[in-house]
Each structure stands twice: as C-alpha cells, then as structure tokens.
Amino acid sequence: MSVYKIDMTSEPLGGLEHLVLLALIRLGPDAYGVPIVEEIRRHSRRPVLRPSVYLALRRLETKGFVRSRLGDPEPRRGGRARRYFEVSAAGRKALRESHRTLTSLWDGIALDRK
C-alpha cells in the first residue's frame, strides 16, 4: 500500500524548468524554442544550450505544466512547422507554490552577514 499520493503538481521544478516556465509566461502563448532560449540567456546571464531547453520543455509537458501545439509550416520551400508552447494552469500553480516556498525560505536570511 502506498503512503504517498503523487499528483502532477507535487513534482518539484528543476532549476532550468523554473526558468523555462518563467520565460514562457514572459513570451506568451506563441513562444517557441529560439526565443525561449534567448529570454533565459538575457535574464539569467548564463550559457543555456538549446537542446537542454527542449528537454526541459518535454519534461514539463510530461508533468502537465506546459502544453504545445504545432504551427503551420514556414512559407519557404521545405519549411518546418514550429512547436509553440504555453504554461498550463498546473504549471502556473507549480510556479506559485515554488515562489511561495522560496520566499518563505529567504525570509530572515542576510547573505552579507558573517
């Protein structure tokens, strides 16, 4: 018999997953790979590899925190369709819970003290 009940919103967010969700919210429902990577790089000031962002998007979709849809192919010959991503209600809830937890943990901490 299992003592723990696990649902999608109880899964913790990894560091990159957190950044990806926040970038998606900033970019809106028509966000796709390249702008997501650029948004994370701009705000985090750290190198972010595109494949790692796509893996994080896949994990987030599996957890139910992100939805995706395939757009129309690009008009140029042989153009590929882009996959667009947006944060689901469960993803927003996970971000709120994470923010609340981090804010609570930071409360009363002064890093400049020795």
PDB file of N, CA and C in Angstrom:
ATOM      1  N   MET A   1       0.845  -1.178   0.000  1.00  0.00           N
ATOM      2  CA  MET A   1       0.000   0.000   0.000  1.00  0.00           C
ATOM      3  C   MET A   1       0.890   1.241   0.000  1.00  0.00           C
ATOM      4  N   SER A   2       0.601   2.178  -0.863  1.00  0.00           N
ATOM      5  CA  SER A   2       1.384   3.403  -0.967  1.00  0.00           C
ATOM      6  C   SER A   2       0.905   4.428   0.046  1.00  0.00           C
ATOM      7  N   VAL A   3       1.851   5.036   0.740  1.00  0.00           N
ATOM      8  CA  VAL A   3       1.521   6.050   1.741  1.00  0.00           C
ATOM      9  C   VAL A   3       1.392   7.419   1.094  1.00  0.00           C
ATOM     10  N   TYR A   4       2.112   7.625   0.019  1.00  0.00           N
ATOM     11  CA  TYR A   4       2.164   8.918  -0.630  1.00  0.00           C
ATOM     12  C   TYR A   4       1.255   8.967  -1.842  1.00  0.00           C
ATOM     13  N   LYS A   5       0.543  10.066  -1.963  1.00  0.00           N
ATOM     14  CA  LYS A   5      -0.241  10.303  -3.165  1.00  0.00           C
ATOM     15  C   LYS A   5       0.538  11.301  -4.002  1.00  0.00           C
ATOM     16  N   ILE A   6       0.841  10.917  -5.221  1.00  0.00           N
ATOM     17  CA  ILE A   6       1.616  11.790  -6.095  1.00  0.00           C
ATOM     18  C   ILE A   6       0.706  12.295  -7.200  1.00  0.00           C
ATOM     19  N   ASP A   7       0.639  13.612  -7.344  1.00  0.00           N
ATOM     20  CA  ASP A   7      -0.073  14.176  -8.484  1.00  0.00           C
ATOM     21  C   ASP A   7       0.889  15.069  -9.239  1.00  0.00           C
ATOM     22  N   MET A   8       0.456  15.569 -10.389  1.00  0.00           N
ATOM     23  CA  MET A   8       1.370  16.326 -11.250  1.00  0.00           C
ATOM     24  C   MET A   8       1.911  17.566 -10.557  1.00  0.00           C
ATOM     25  N   THR A   9       1.121  18.242  -9.744  1.00  0.00           N
ATOM     26  CA  THR A   9       1.583  19.488  -9.154  1.00  0.00           C
ATOM     27  C   THR A   9       2.529  19.260  -7.988  1.00  0.00           C
ATOM     28  N   SER A  10       2.655  18.008  -7.493  1.00  0.00           N
ATOM     29  CA  SER A  10       3.572  17.772  -6.374  1.00  0.00           C
ATOM     30  C   SER A  10       4.994  17.544  -6.857  1.00  0.00           C
ATOM     31  N   GLU A  11       5.190  17.397  -8.158  1.00  0.00           N
ATOM     32  CA  GLU A  11       6.539  17.193  -8.676  1.00  0.00           C
ATOM     33  C   GLU A  11       7.321  18.487  -8.580  1.00  0.00           C
ATOM     34  N   PRO A  12       8.531  18.425  -8.025  1.00  0.00           N
ATOM     35  CA  PRO A  12       9.322  19.655  -7.896  1.00  0.00           C
ATOM     36  C   PRO A  12       9.815  20.150  -9.250  1.00  0.00           C
ATOM     37  N   LEU A  13      10.035  21.437  -9.314  1.00  0.00           N
ATOM     38  CA  LEU A  13      10.583  22.047 -10.527  1.00  0.00           C
ATOM     39  C   LEU A  13      12.097  22.063 -10.429  1.00  0.00           C
ATOM     40  N   GLY A  14      12.759  21.647 -11.488  1.00  0.00           N
ATOM     41  CA  GLY A  14      14.207  21.781 -11.572  1.00  0.00           C
ATOM     42  C   GLY A  14      14.550  23.231 -11.881  1.00  0.00           C
ATOM     43  N   GLY A  15      15.801  23.587 -11.714  1.00  0.00           N
ATOM     44  CA  GLY A  15      16.224  24.970 -11.947  1.00  0.00           C
ATOM     45  C   GLY A  15      15.937  25.453 -13.362  1.00  0.00           C
ATOM     46  N   LEU A  16      16.301  24.649 -14.364  1.00  0.00           N
ATOM     47  CA  LEU A  16      16.055  25.046 -15.744  1.00  0.00           C
ATOM     48  C   LEU A  16      14.561  25.040 -16.054  1.00  0.00           C
ATOM     49  N   GLU A  17      13.839  24.074 -15.504  1.00  0.00           N
ATOM     50  CA  GLU A  17      12.382  24.040 -15.705  1.00  0.00           C
ATOM     51  C   GLU A  17      11.738  25.316 -15.185  1.00  0.00           C
ATOM     52  N   HIS A  18      12.205  25.769 -14.051  1.00  0.00           N
ATOM     53  CA  HIS A  18      11.715  27.015 -13.464  1.00  0.00           C
ATOM     54  C   HIS A  18      11.930  28.181 -14.438  1.00  0.00           C
ATOM     55  N   LEU A  19      13.150  28.274 -14.952  1.00  0.00           N
ATOM     56  CA  LEU A  19      13.482  29.346 -15.891  1.00  0.00           C
ATOM     57  C   LEU A  19      12.654  29.257 -17.162  1.00  0.00           C
ATOM     58  N   VAL A  20      12.452  28.047 -17.666  1.00  0.00           N
ATOM     59  CA  VAL A  20      11.667  27.862 -18.888  1.00  0.00           C
ATOM     60  C   VAL A  20      10.227  28.313 -18.667  1.00  0.00           C
ATOM     61  N   LEU A  21       9.624  27.931 -17.555  1.00  0.00           N
ATOM     62  CA  LEU A  21       8.245  28.352 -17.274  1.00  0.00           C
ATOM     63  C   LEU A  21       8.132  29.872 -17.192  1.00  0.00           C
ATOM     64  N   LEU A  22       9.081  30.500 -16.518  1.00  0.00           N
ATOM     65  CA  LEU A  22       9.042  31.962 -16.403  1.00  0.00           C
ATOM     66  C   LEU A  22       9.234  32.626 -17.769  1.00  0.00           C
ATOM     67  N   ALA A  23      10.122  32.083 -18.595  1.00  0.00           N
ATOM     68  CA  ALA A  23      10.324  32.624 -19.937  1.00  0.00           C
ATOM     69  C   ALA A  23       9.053  32.478 -20.769  1.00  0.00           C
ATOM     70  N   LEU A  24       8.384  31.338 -20.650  1.00  0.00           N
ATOM     71  CA  LEU A  24       7.142  31.119 -21.388  1.00  0.00           C
ATOM     72  C   LEU A  24       6.067  32.133 -20.994  1.00  0.00           C
ATOM     73  N   ILE A  25       5.974  32.414 -19.721  1.00  0.00           N
ATOM     74  CA  ILE A  25       4.982  33.399 -19.270  1.00  0.00           C
ATOM     75  C   ILE A  25       5.329  34.773 -19.819  1.00  0.00           C
ATOM     76  N   ARG A  26       6.598  35.130 -19.810  1.00  0.00           N
ATOM     77  CA  ARG A  26       7.022  36.423 -20.355  1.00  0.00           C
ATOM     78  C   ARG A  26       6.719  36.536 -21.849  1.00  0.00           C
ATOM     79  N   LEU A  27       6.938  35.441 -22.592  1.00  0.00           N
ATOM     80  CA  LEU A  27       6.811  35.472 -24.051  1.00  0.00           C
ATOM     81  C   LEU A  27       5.375  35.301 -24.546  1.00  0.00           C
ATOM     82  N   GLY A  28       4.520  34.689 -23.747  1.00  0.00           N
ATOM     83  CA  GLY A  28       3.137  34.497 -24.164  1.00  0.00           C
ATOM     84  C   GLY A  28       2.915  33.183 -24.899  1.00  0.00           C
ATOM     85  N   PRO A  29       1.688  32.976 -25.389  1.00  0.00           N
ATOM     86  CA  PRO A  29       1.292  31.675 -25.934  1.00  0.00           C
ATOM     87  C   PRO A  29       1.927  31.301 -27.274  1.00  0.00           C
ATOM     88  N   ASP A  30       2.612  32.216 -27.929  1.00  0.00           N
ATOM     89  CA  ASP A  30       3.253  31.895 -29.201  1.00  0.00           C
ATOM     90  C   ASP A  30       4.761  31.717 -29.060  1.00  0.00           C
ATOM     91  N   ALA A  31       5.196  31.251 -27.903  1.00  0.00           N
ATOM     92  CA  ALA A  31       6.622  31.056 -27.646  1.00  0.00           C
ATOM     93  C   ALA A  31       7.091  29.751 -28.276  1.00  0.00           C
ATOM     94  N   TYR A  32       8.271  29.797 -28.854  1.00  0.00           N
ATOM     95  CA  TYR A  32       8.886  28.587 -29.396  1.00  0.00           C
ATOM     96  C   TYR A  32      10.366  28.600 -29.021  1.00  0.00           C
ATOM     97  N   GLY A  33      11.076  27.552 -29.375  1.00  0.00           N
ATOM     98  CA  GLY A  33      12.433  27.288 -28.906  1.00  0.00           C
ATOM     99  C   GLY A  33      13.416  28.424 -28.859  1.00  0.00           C
ATOM    100  N   VAL A  34      13.716  29.037 -30.000  1.00  0.00           N
ATOM    101  CA  VAL A  34      14.773  30.042 -30.051  1.00  0.00           C
ATOM    102  C   VAL A  34      14.480  31.239 -29.138  1.00  0.00           C
ATOM    103  N   PRO A  35      13.295  31.853 -29.206  1.00  0.00           N
ATOM    104  CA  PRO A  35      13.029  32.973 -28.289  1.00  0.00           C
ATOM    105  C   PRO A  35      13.050  32.570 -26.810  1.00  0.00           C
ATOM    106  N   ILE A  36      12.661  31.335 -26.525  1.00  0.00           N
ATOM    107  CA  ILE A  36      12.703  30.868 -25.128  1.00  0.00           C
ATOM    108  C   ILE A  36      14.149  30.845 -24.651  1.00  0.00           C
ATOM    109  N   VAL A  37      15.041  30.283 -25.460  1.00  0.00           N
ATOM    110  CA  VAL A  37      16.469  30.226 -25.116  1.00  0.00           C
ATOM    111  C   VAL A  37      17.021  31.636 -24.943  1.00  0.00           C
ATOM    112  N   GLU A  38      16.703  32.534 -25.871  1.00  0.00           N
ATOM    113  CA  GLU A  38      17.198  33.916 -25.800  1.00  0.00           C
ATOM    114  C   GLU A  38      16.693  34.630 -24.546  1.00  0.00           C
ATOM    115  N   GLU A  39      15.440  34.411 -24.194  1.00  0.00           N
ATOM    116  CA  GLU A  39      14.869  35.049 -22.993  1.00  0.00           C
ATOM    117  C   GLU A  39      15.586  34.565 -21.733  1.00  0.00           C
ATOM    118  N   ILE A  40      15.850  33.275 -21.652  1.00  0.00           N
ATOM    119  CA  ILE A  40      16.547  32.725 -20.485  1.00  0.00           C
ATOM    120  C   ILE A  40      17.971  33.266 -20.423  1.00  0.00           C
ATOM    121  N   ARG A  41      18.660  33.293 -21.557  1.00  0.00           N
ATOM    122  CA  ARG A  41      20.035  33.826 -21.580  1.00  0.00           C
ATOM    123  C   ARG A  41      20.068  35.292 -21.152  1.00  0.00           C
ATOM    124  N   ARG A  42      19.114  36.076 -21.643  1.00  0.00           N
ATOM    125  CA  ARG A  42      19.082  37.506 -21.343  1.00  0.00           C
ATOM    126  C   ARG A  42      18.888  37.771 -19.839  1.00  0.00           C
ATOM    127  N   HIS A  43      18.047  36.988 -19.212  1.00  0.00           N
ATOM    128  CA  HIS A  43      17.738  37.243 -17.806  1.00  0.00           C
ATOM    129  C   HIS A  43      18.641  36.495 -16.830  1.00  0.00           C
ATOM    130  N   SER A  44      19.175  35.360 -17.230  1.00  0.00           N
ATOM    131  CA  SER A  44      19.988  34.585 -16.288  1.00  0.00           C
ATOM    132  C   SER A  44      21.468  34.883 -16.418  1.00  0.00           C
ATOM    133  N   ARG A  45      21.878  35.473 -17.550  1.00  0.00           N
ATOM    134  CA  ARG A  45      23.279  35.779 -17.813  1.00  0.00           C
ATOM    135  C   ARG A  45      24.169  34.541 -17.659  1.00  0.00           C
ATOM    136  N   ARG A  46      23.647  33.420 -18.129  1.00  0.00           N
ATOM    137  CA  ARG A  46      24.435  32.196 -18.112  1.00  0.00           C
ATOM    138  C   ARG A  46      24.217  31.462 -19.428  1.00  0.00           C
ATOM    139  N   PRO A  47      25.188  30.640 -19.828  1.00  0.00           N
ATOM    140  CA  PRO A  47      25.009  29.913 -21.096  1.00  0.00           C
ATOM    141  C   PRO A  47      23.901  28.869 -20.959  1.00  0.00           C
ATOM    142  N   VAL A  48      23.033  28.836 -21.938  1.00  0.00           N
ATOM    143  CA  VAL A  48      21.942  27.865 -21.956  1.00  0.00           C
ATOM    144  C   VAL A  48      21.952  27.200 -23.329  1.00  0.00           C
ATOM    145  N   LEU A  49      22.020  25.901 -23.328  1.00  0.00           N
ATOM    146  CA  LEU A  49      22.041  25.164 -24.587  1.00  0.00           C
ATOM    147  C   LEU A  49      20.613  24.881 -25.052  1.00  0.00           C
ATOM    148  N   ARG A  50      20.379  25.068 -26.340  1.00  0.00           N
ATOM    149  CA  ARG A  50      19.042  24.848 -26.903  1.00  0.00           C
ATOM    150  C   ARG A  50      18.534  23.423 -26.639  1.00  0.00           C
ATOM    151  N   PRO A  51      19.363  22.375 -26.819  1.00  0.00           N
ATOM    152  CA  PRO A  51      18.848  21.021 -26.551  1.00  0.00           C
ATOM    153  C   PRO A  51      18.380  20.825 -25.107  1.00  0.00           C
ATOM    154  N   SER A  52      19.060  21.464 -24.156  1.00  0.00           N
ATOM    155  CA  SER A  52      18.642  21.311 -22.759  1.00  0.00           C
ATOM    156  C   SER A  52      17.288  21.983 -22.520  1.00  0.00           C
ATOM    157  N   VAL A  53      17.021  23.081 -23.229  1.00  0.00           N
ATOM    158  CA  VAL A  53      15.718  23.740 -23.109  1.00  0.00           C
ATOM    159  C   VAL A  53      14.623  22.853 -23.696  1.00  0.00           C
ATOM    160  N   TYR A  54      14.895  22.232 -24.838  1.00  0.00           N
ATOM    161  CA  TYR A  54      13.904  21.332 -25.438  1.00  0.00           C
ATOM    162  C   TYR A  54      13.630  20.126 -24.537  1.00  0.00           C
ATOM    163  N   LEU A  55      14.669  19.604 -23.885  1.00  0.00           N
ATOM    164  CA  LEU A  55      14.456  18.500 -22.940  1.00  0.00           C
ATOM    165  C   LEU A  55      13.615  18.954 -21.750  1.00  0.00           C
ATOM    166  N   ALA A  56      13.886  20.154 -21.258  1.00  0.00           N
ATOM    167  CA  ALA A  56      13.090  20.690 -20.147  1.00  0.00           C
ATOM    168  C   ALA A  56      11.634  20.884 -20.577  1.00  0.00           C
ATOM    169  N   LEU A  57      11.422  21.377 -21.783  1.00  0.00           N
ATOM    170  CA  LEU A  57      10.052  21.542 -22.296  1.00  0.00           C
ATOM    171  C   LEU A  57       9.336  20.197 -22.363  1.00  0.00           C
ATOM    172  N   ARG A  58      10.045  19.169 -22.810  1.00  0.00           N
ATOM    173  CA  ARG A  58       9.442  17.828 -22.876  1.00  0.00           C
ATOM    174  C   ARG A  58       9.070  17.322 -21.475  1.00  0.00           C
ATOM    175  N   ARG A  59       9.977  17.519 -20.503  1.00  0.00           N
ATOM    176  CA  ARG A  59       9.680  17.103 -19.118  1.00  0.00           C
ATOM    177  C   ARG A  59       8.480  17.869 -18.570  1.00  0.00           C
ATOM    178  N   LEU A  60       8.454  19.176 -18.834  1.00  0.00           N
ATOM    179  CA  LEU A  60       7.344  19.999 -18.343  1.00  0.00           C
ATOM    180  C   LEU A  60       6.021  19.572 -18.972  1.00  0.00           C
ATOM    181  N   GLU A  61       6.055  19.193 -20.228  1.00  0.00           N
ATOM    182  CA  GLU A  61       4.837  18.733 -20.894  1.00  0.00           C
ATOM    183  C   GLU A  61       4.388  17.396 -20.301  1.00  0.00           C
ATOM    184  N   THR A  62       5.334  16.522 -20.016  1.00  0.00           N
ATOM    185  CA  THR A  62       5.012  15.232 -19.393  1.00  0.00           C
ATOM    186  C   THR A  62       4.393  15.434 -18.017  1.00  0.00           C
ATOM    187  N   LYS A  63       4.879  16.413 -17.279  1.00  0.00           N
ATOM    188  CA  LYS A  63       4.342  16.719 -15.949  1.00  0.00           C
ATOM    189  C   LYS A  63       2.988  17.421 -16.024  1.00  0.00           C
ATOM    190  N   GLY A  64       2.620  17.904 -17.206  1.00  0.00           N
ATOM    191  CA  GLY A  64       1.355  18.618 -17.356  1.00  0.00           C
ATOM    192  C   GLY A  64       1.471  20.107 -17.081  1.00  0.00           C
ATOM    193  N   PHE A  65       2.697  20.630 -17.011  1.00  0.00           N
ATOM    194  CA  PHE A  65       2.907  22.044 -16.697  1.00  0.00           C
ATOM    195  C   PHE A  65       2.942  22.921 -17.949  1.00  0.00           C
ATOM    196  N   VAL A  66       3.079  22.293 -19.105  1.00  0.00           N
ATOM    197  CA  VAL A  66       3.184  23.005 -20.378  1.00  0.00           C
ATOM    198  C   VAL A  66       2.340  22.270 -21.413  1.00  0.00           C
ATOM    199  N   ARG A  67       1.717  23.041 -22.294  1.00  0.00           N
ATOM    200  CA  ARG A  67       1.007  22.483 -23.452  1.00  0.00           C
ATOM    201  C   ARG A  67       1.734  22.947 -24.708  1.00  0.00           C
ATOM    202  N   SER A  68       1.685  22.132 -25.747  1.00  0.00           N
ATOM    203  CA  SER A  68       2.303  22.547 -27.005  1.00  0.00           C
ATOM    204  C   SER A  68       1.338  22.306 -28.148  1.00  0.00           C
ATOM    205  N   ARG A  69       1.599  23.025 -29.224  1.00  0.00           N
ATOM    206  CA  ARG A  69       0.827  22.831 -30.453  1.00  0.00           C
ATOM    207  C   ARG A  69       1.765  23.061 -31.622  1.00  0.00           C
ATOM    208  N   LEU A  70       1.479  22.375 -32.699  1.00  0.00           N
ATOM    209  CA  LEU A  70       2.281  22.508 -33.906  1.00  0.00           C
ATOM    210  C   LEU A  70       1.667  23.594 -34.775  1.00  0.00           C
ATOM    211  N   GLY A  71       2.484  24.562 -35.189  1.00  0.00           N
ATOM    212  CA  GLY A  71       2.025  25.635 -36.049  1.00  0.00           C
ATOM    213  C   GLY A  71       2.085  25.230 -37.510  1.00  0.00           C
ATOM    214  N   ASP A  72       1.767  26.161 -38.374  1.00  0.00           N
ATOM    215  CA  ASP A  72       1.847  25.925 -39.818  1.00  0.00           C
ATOM    216  C   ASP A  72       3.313  25.896 -40.240  1.00  0.00           C
ATOM    217  N   PRO A  73       3.600  25.142 -41.296  1.00  0.00           N
ATOM    218  CA  PRO A  73       4.981  25.139 -41.815  1.00  0.00           C
ATOM    219  C   PRO A  73       5.383  26.537 -42.282  1.00  0.00           C
ATOM    220  N   GLU A  74       6.663  26.844 -42.165  1.00  0.00           N
ATOM    221  CA  GLU A  74       7.164  28.128 -42.651  1.00  0.00           C
ATOM    222  C   GLU A  74       6.951  28.195 -44.160  1.00  0.00           C
ATOM    223  N   PRO A  75       6.684  29.399 -44.706  1.00  0.00           N
ATOM    224  CA  PRO A  75       6.335  29.508 -46.122  1.00  0.00           C
ATOM    225  C   PRO A  75       7.462  29.143 -47.093  1.00  0.00           C
ATOM    226  N   ARG A  76       8.714  29.177 -46.657  1.00  0.00           N
ATOM    227  CA  ARG A  76       9.797  28.849 -47.594  1.00  0.00           C
ATOM    228  C   ARG A  76       9.757  27.364 -47.939  1.00  0.00           C
ATOM    229  N   ARG A  77      10.332  27.038 -49.062  1.00  0.00           N
ATOM    230  CA  ARG A  77      10.320  25.653 -49.541  1.00  0.00           C
ATOM    231  C   ARG A  77      10.962  24.721 -48.503  1.00  0.00           C
ATOM    232  N   GLY A  78      10.252  23.678 -48.159  1.00  0.00           N
ATOM    233  CA  GLY A  78      10.757  22.722 -47.176  1.00  0.00           C
ATOM    234  C   GLY A  78      10.689  23.240 -45.748  1.00  0.00           C
ATOM    235  N   GLY A  79       9.958  24.336 -45.558  1.00  0.00           N
ATOM    236  CA  GLY A  79       9.871  24.938 -44.225  1.00  0.00           C
ATOM    237  C   GLY A  79       9.220  24.003 -43.220  1.00  0.00           C
ATOM    238  N   ARG A  80       9.764  23.998 -42.023  1.00  0.00           N
ATOM    239  CA  ARG A  80       9.242  23.134 -40.964  1.00  0.00           C
ATOM    240  C   ARG A  80       8.226  23.884 -40.128  1.00  0.00           C
ATOM    241  N   ALA A  81       7.348  23.131 -39.525  1.00  0.00           N
ATOM    242  CA  ALA A  81       6.370  23.717 -38.616  1.00  0.00           C
ATOM    243  C   ALA A  81       7.032  23.928 -37.251  1.00  0.00           C
ATOM    244  N   ARG A  82       6.729  25.050 -36.635  1.00  0.00           N
ATOM    245  CA  ARG A  82       7.248  25.316 -35.287  1.00  0.00           C
ATOM    246  C   ARG A  82       6.310  24.716 -34.254  1.00  0.00           C
ATOM    247  N   ARG A  83       6.902  24.318 -33.127  1.00  0.00           N
ATOM    248  CA  ARG A  83       6.100  23.869 -31.995  1.00  0.00           C
ATOM    249  C   ARG A  83       6.033  25.022 -31.013  1.00  0.00           C
ATOM    250  N   TYR A  84       4.811  25.463 -30.709  1.00  0.00           N
ATOM    251  CA  TYR A  84       4.579  26.573 -29.795  1.00  0.00           C
ATOM    252  C   TYR A  84       4.194  26.024 -28.424  1.00  0.00           C
ATOM    253  N   PHE A  85       4.636  26.720 -27.387  1.00  0.00           N
ATOM    254  CA  PHE A  85       4.419  26.266 -26.018  1.00  0.00           C
ATOM    255  C   PHE A  85       3.726  27.336 -25.201  1.00  0.00           C
ATOM    256  N   GLU A  86       2.919  26.875 -24.229  1.00  0.00           N
ATOM    257  CA  GLU A  86       2.349  27.789 -23.251  1.00  0.00           C
ATOM    258  C   GLU A  86       2.205  27.068 -21.915  1.00  0.00           C
ATOM    259  N   VAL A  87       2.218  27.839 -20.846  1.00  0.00           N
ATOM    260  CA  VAL A  87       2.136  27.295 -19.497  1.00  0.00           C
ATOM    261  C   VAL A  87       0.681  26.939 -19.199  1.00  0.00           C
ATOM    262  N   SER A  88       0.465  25.758 -18.659  1.00  0.00           N
ATOM    263  CA  SER A  88      -0.879  25.316 -18.283  1.00  0.00           C
ATOM    264  C   SER A  88      -1.234  25.856 -16.890  1.00  0.00           C
ATOM    265  N   ALA A  89      -2.466  25.652 -16.487  1.00  0.00           N
ATOM    266  CA  ALA A  89      -2.899  26.059 -15.144  1.00  0.00           C
ATOM    267  C   ALA A  89      -2.068  25.340 -14.077  1.00  0.00           C
ATOM    268  N   ALA A  90      -1.773  24.062 -14.310  1.00  0.00           N
ATOM    269  CA  ALA A  90      -0.953  23.300 -13.352  1.00  0.00           C
ATOM    270  C   ALA A  90       0.464  23.875 -13.279  1.00  0.00           C
ATOM    271  N   GLY A  91       0.996  24.341 -14.400  1.00  0.00           N
ATOM    272  CA  GLY A  91       2.323  24.959 -14.411  1.00  0.00           C
ATOM    273  C   GLY A  91       2.351  26.259 -13.645  1.00  0.00           C
ATOM    274  N   ARG A  92       1.300  27.060 -13.812  1.00  0.00           N
ATOM    275  CA  ARG A  92       1.199  28.317 -13.054  1.00  0.00           C
ATOM    276  C   ARG A  92       1.092  28.034 -11.557  1.00  0.00           C
ATOM    277  N   LYS A  93       0.341  27.001 -11.221  1.00  0.00           N
ATOM    278  CA  LYS A  93       0.203  26.625  -9.805  1.00  0.00           C
ATOM    279  C   LYS A  93       1.549  26.186  -9.232  1.00  0.00           C
ATOM    280  N   ALA A  94       2.294  25.388  -9.999  1.00  0.00           N
ATOM    281  CA  ALA A  94       3.611  24.930  -9.545  1.00  0.00           C
ATOM    282  C   ALA A  94       4.557  26.108  -9.348  1.00  0.00           C
ATOM    283  N   LEU A  95       4.501  27.088 -10.240  1.00  0.00           N
ATOM    284  CA  LEU A  95       5.342  28.289 -10.094  1.00  0.00           C
ATOM    285  C   LEU A  95       4.949  29.086  -8.848  1.00  0.00           C
ATOM    286  N   ARG A  96       3.650  29.236  -8.622  1.00  0.00           N
ATOM    287  CA  ARG A  96       3.196  29.968  -7.419  1.00  0.00           C
ATOM    288  C   ARG A  96       3.680  29.272  -6.154  1.00  0.00           C
ATOM    289  N   GLU A  97       3.543  27.939  -6.106  1.00  0.00           N
ATOM    290  CA  GLU A  97       3.985  27.174  -4.931  1.00  0.00           C
ATOM    291  C   GLU A  97       5.495  27.303  -4.732  1.00  0.00           C
ATOM    292  N   SER A  98       6.230  27.233  -5.821  1.00  0.00           N
ATOM    293  CA  SER A  98       7.681  27.368  -5.756  1.00  0.00           C
ATOM    294  C   SER A  98       8.071  28.760  -5.263  1.00  0.00           C
ATOM    295  N   HIS A  99       7.413  29.778  -5.790  1.00  0.00           N
ATOM    296  CA  HIS A  99       7.691  31.158  -5.363  1.00  0.00           C
ATOM    297  C   HIS A  99       7.402  31.332  -3.878  1.00  0.00           C
ATOM    298  N   ARG A 100       6.286  30.799  -3.444  1.00  0.00           N
ATOM    299  CA  ARG A 100       5.910  30.894  -2.026  1.00  0.00           C
ATOM    300  C   ARG A 100       6.957  30.204  -1.146  1.00  0.00           C
ATOM    301  N   THR A 101       7.398  29.031  -1.545  1.00  0.00           N
ATOM    302  CA  THR A 101       8.402  28.281  -0.781  1.00  0.00           C
ATOM    303  C   THR A 101       9.723  29.034  -0.717  1.00  0.00           C
ATOM    304  N   LEU A 102      10.190  29.520  -1.866  1.00  0.00           N
ATOM    305  CA  LEU A 102      11.464  30.242  -1.898  1.00  0.00           C
ATOM    306  C   LEU A 102      11.396  31.537  -1.090  1.00  0.00           C
ATOM    307  N   THR A 103      10.296  32.252  -1.192  1.00  0.00           N
ATOM    308  CA  THR A 103      10.129  33.489  -0.423  1.00  0.00           C
ATOM    309  C   THR A 103      10.168  33.194   1.069  1.00  0.00           C
ATOM    310  N   SER A 104       9.505  32.118   1.473  1.00  0.00           N
ATOM    311  CA  SER A 104       9.496  31.725   2.879  1.00  0.00           C
ATOM    312  C   SER A 104      10.897  31.344   3.361  1.00  0.00           C
ATOM    313  N   LEU A 105      11.624  30.608   2.533  1.00  0.00           N
ATOM    314  CA  LEU A 105      12.977  30.209   2.908  1.00  0.00           C
ATOM    315  C   LEU A 105      13.927  31.399   2.979  1.00  0.00           C
ATOM    316  N   TRP A 106      13.751  32.380   2.091  1.00  0.00           N
ATOM    317  CA  TRP A 106      14.620  33.562   2.076  1.00  0.00           C
ATOM    318  C   TRP A 106      14.306  34.513   3.229  1.00  0.00           C
ATOM    319  N   ASP A 107      13.109  34.445   3.769  1.00  0.00           N
ATOM    320  CA  ASP A 107      12.706  35.368   4.833  1.00  0.00           C
ATOM    321  C   ASP A 107      13.671  35.279   6.023  1.00  0.00           C
ATOM    322  N   GLY A 108      14.276  36.391   6.362  1.00  0.00           N
ATOM    323  CA  GLY A 108      15.182  36.458   7.511  1.00  0.00           C
ATOM    324  C   GLY A 108      16.628  36.114   7.202  1.00  0.00           C
ATOM    325  N   ILE A 109      16.937  35.805   5.978  1.00  0.00           N
ATOM    326  CA  ILE A 109      18.315  35.491   5.623  1.00  0.00           C
ATOM    327  C   ILE A 109      19.011  36.717   5.088  1.00  0.00           C
ATOM    328  N   ALA A 110      20.195  36.982   5.650  1.00  0.00           N
ATOM    329  CA  ALA A 110      21.033  38.071   5.164  1.00  0.00           C
ATOM    330  C   ALA A 110      22.376  37.470   4.751  1.00  0.00           C
ATOM    331  N   LEU A 111      22.641  37.444   3.482  1.00  0.00           N
ATOM    332  CA  LEU A 111      23.861  36.810   2.985  1.00  0.00           C
ATOM    333  C   LEU A 111      25.111  37.617   3.306  1.00  0.00           C
ATOM    334  N   ASP A 112      24.963  38.904   3.559  1.00  0.00           N
ATOM    335  CA  ASP A 112      26.120  39.750   3.826  1.00  0.00           C
ATOM    336  C   ASP A 112      26.663  39.615   5.244  1.00  0.00           C
ATOM    337  N   ARG A 113      25.869  38.991   6.119  1.00  0.00           N
ATOM    338  CA  ARG A 113      26.341  38.776   7.486  1.00  0.00           C
ATOM    339  C   ARG A 113      27.393  37.694   7.511  1.00  0.00           C
ATOM    340  N   LYS A 114      28.345  37.846   8.445  1.00  0.00           N
ATOM    341  CA  LYS A 114      29.390  36.824   8.610  1.00  0.00           C
ATOM    342  C   LYS A 114      29.152  35.997   9.815  1.00  0.00           C
TER     343      LYS A 114
END
